[in-house]
Amino acid sequence: MSKKEKDITFFVAFCIEEYRAAKGLSGEEVIELFAKYDVTDYLSKCFEPLHTQGRQWLIDEIDEFIDIRKNKKA
């Protein structure tokens, strides 16, 4: 695994843990939610600009991303 791949993996894990703590969810619930709305893929593909942002901004961004995905499926 390359350094960049490791960095992305750590970043996604950080986002999962921070989102879990902020929303009062279990890790399993966050994993299911992220899988349902392709959040992990988004975080991985957009790693470069996203990893420079703060914790609260990332949580808000993930919420907005999920809301957009929910509206597309509706």
C-alpha atoms as a PDB file:
ATOM      1  CA  MET A   1       0.000   0.000   0.000  1.00  0.00           C
ATOM      2  CA  SER A   2       1.419   3.392  -0.987  1.00  0.00           C
ATOM      3  CA  LYS A   3       1.749   6.306   1.427  1.00  0.00           C
ATOM      4  CA  LYS A   4      -1.130   8.122  -0.269  1.00  0.00           C
ATOM      5  CA  GLU A   5      -3.367   5.036   0.006  1.00  0.00           C
ATOM      6  CA  LYS A   6      -2.515   4.811   3.719  1.00  0.00           C
ATOM      7  CA  ASP A   7      -3.235   8.512   4.175  1.00  0.00           C
ATOM      8  CA  ILE A   8      -6.634   8.098   2.503  1.00  0.00           C
ATOM      9  CA  THR A   9      -7.422   5.053   4.644  1.00  0.00           C
ATOM     10  CA  PHE A  10      -6.530   6.910   7.843  1.00  0.00           C
ATOM     11  CA  PHE A  11      -8.564   9.927   6.707  1.00  0.00           C
ATOM     12  CA  VAL A  12     -11.668   7.819   6.003  1.00  0.00           C
ATOM     13  CA  ALA A  13     -11.283   6.085   9.378  1.00  0.00           C
ATOM     14  CA  PHE A  14     -10.961   9.500  11.043  1.00  0.00           C
ATOM     15  CA  CYS A  15     -14.149  10.694   9.321  1.00  0.00           C
ATOM     16  CA  ILE A  16     -16.036   7.564  10.370  1.00  0.00           C
ATOM     17  CA  GLU A  17     -14.958   7.944  13.990  1.00  0.00           C
ATOM     18  CA  GLU A  18     -15.625  11.684  14.145  1.00  0.00           C
ATOM     19  CA  TYR A  19     -19.027  11.306  12.483  1.00  0.00           C
ATOM     20  CA  ARG A  20     -19.903   8.490  14.883  1.00  0.00           C
ATOM     21  CA  ALA A  21     -19.002  10.610  17.908  1.00  0.00           C
ATOM     22  CA  ALA A  22     -20.777  13.722  16.604  1.00  0.00           C
ATOM     23  CA  LYS A  23     -24.008  11.892  15.791  1.00  0.00           C
ATOM     24  CA  GLY A  24     -24.075   9.446  18.689  1.00  0.00           C
ATOM     25  CA  LEU A  25     -24.111   6.444  16.362  1.00  0.00           C
ATOM     26  CA  SER A  26     -22.330   3.113  16.558  1.00  0.00           C
ATOM     27  CA  GLY A  27     -19.458   2.411  14.217  1.00  0.00           C
ATOM     28  CA  GLU A  28     -21.604  -0.170  12.465  1.00  0.00           C
ATOM     29  CA  GLU A  29     -24.401   2.369  11.913  1.00  0.00           C
ATOM     30  CA  VAL A  30     -21.967   4.848  10.377  1.00  0.00           C
ATOM     31  CA  ILE A  31     -20.451   2.185   8.123  1.00  0.00           C
ATOM     32  CA  GLU A  32     -23.931   1.205   6.901  1.00  0.00           C
ATOM     33  CA  LEU A  33     -24.919   4.843   6.348  1.00  0.00           C
ATOM     34  CA  PHE A  34     -21.687   5.623   4.501  1.00  0.00           C
ATOM     35  CA  ALA A  35     -22.092   2.508   2.345  1.00  0.00           C
ATOM     36  CA  LYS A  36     -25.723   3.314   1.511  1.00  0.00           C
ATOM     37  CA  TYR A  37     -24.856   6.805   0.255  1.00  0.00           C
ATOM     38  CA  ASP A  38     -21.325   6.118  -1.101  1.00  0.00           C
ATOM     39  CA  VAL A  39     -19.751   8.490   1.424  1.00  0.00           C
ATOM     40  CA  THR A  40     -16.548   6.454   1.720  1.00  0.00           C
ATOM     41  CA  ASP A  41     -16.042   6.600  -2.043  1.00  0.00           C
ATOM     42  CA  TYR A  42     -16.595  10.370  -1.986  1.00  0.00           C
ATOM     43  CA  LEU A  43     -14.136  10.848   0.877  1.00  0.00           C
ATOM     44  CA  SER A  44     -11.536   8.745  -0.920  1.00  0.00           C
ATOM     45  CA  LYS A  45     -11.924  10.382  -4.321  1.00  0.00           C
ATOM     46  CA  CYS A  46     -11.967  13.917  -2.875  1.00  0.00           C
ATOM     47  CA  PHE A  47      -9.240  13.303  -0.296  1.00  0.00           C
ATOM     48  CA  GLU A  48      -6.954  16.106  -1.488  1.00  0.00           C
ATOM     49  CA  PRO A  49      -9.249  19.057  -0.727  1.00  0.00           C
ATOM     50  CA  LEU A  50     -11.203  17.387   2.088  1.00  0.00           C
ATOM     51  CA  HIS A  51      -8.334  16.331   4.323  1.00  0.00           C
ATOM     52  CA  THR A  52      -7.297  19.953   4.780  1.00  0.00           C
ATOM     53  CA  GLN A  53     -10.600  20.861   6.448  1.00  0.00           C
ATOM     54  CA  GLY A  54     -11.529  20.864  10.116  1.00  0.00           C
ATOM     55  CA  ARG A  55     -13.578  18.303  11.998  1.00  0.00           C
ATOM     56  CA  GLN A  56     -16.866  20.230  12.160  1.00  0.00           C
ATOM     57  CA  TRP A  57     -16.618  21.280   8.523  1.00  0.00           C
ATOM     58  CA  LEU A  58     -16.156  17.615   7.519  1.00  0.00           C
ATOM     59  CA  ILE A  59     -19.158  16.501   9.562  1.00  0.00           C
ATOM     60  CA  ASP A  60     -21.274  19.234   7.957  1.00  0.00           C
ATOM     61  CA  GLU A  61     -19.974  18.279   4.510  1.00  0.00           C
ATOM     62  CA  ILE A  62     -20.834  14.619   5.072  1.00  0.00           C
ATOM     63  CA  ASP A  63     -24.341  15.591   6.238  1.00  0.00           C
ATOM     64  CA  GLU A  64     -24.825  17.718   3.131  1.00  0.00           C
ATOM     65  CA  PHE A  65     -23.501  14.944   0.875  1.00  0.00           C
ATOM     66  CA  ILE A  66     -25.895  12.414   2.441  1.00  0.00           C
ATOM     67  CA  ASP A  67     -28.835  14.840   2.116  1.00  0.00           C
ATOM     68  CA  ILE A  68     -28.083  15.356  -1.579  1.00  0.00           C
ATOM     69  CA  ARG A  69     -27.907  11.590  -2.111  1.00  0.00           C
ATOM     70  CA  LYS A  70     -31.173  11.058  -0.245  1.00  0.00           C
ATOM     71  CA  ASN A  71     -32.914  13.646  -2.424  1.00  0.00           C
ATOM     72  CA  LYS A  72     -31.598  12.026  -5.617  1.00  0.00           C
ATOM     73  CA  LYS A  73     -33.021   8.666  -4.557  1.00  0.00           C
ATOM     74  CA  ALA A  74     -36.390  10.177  -3.621  1.00  0.00           C
END
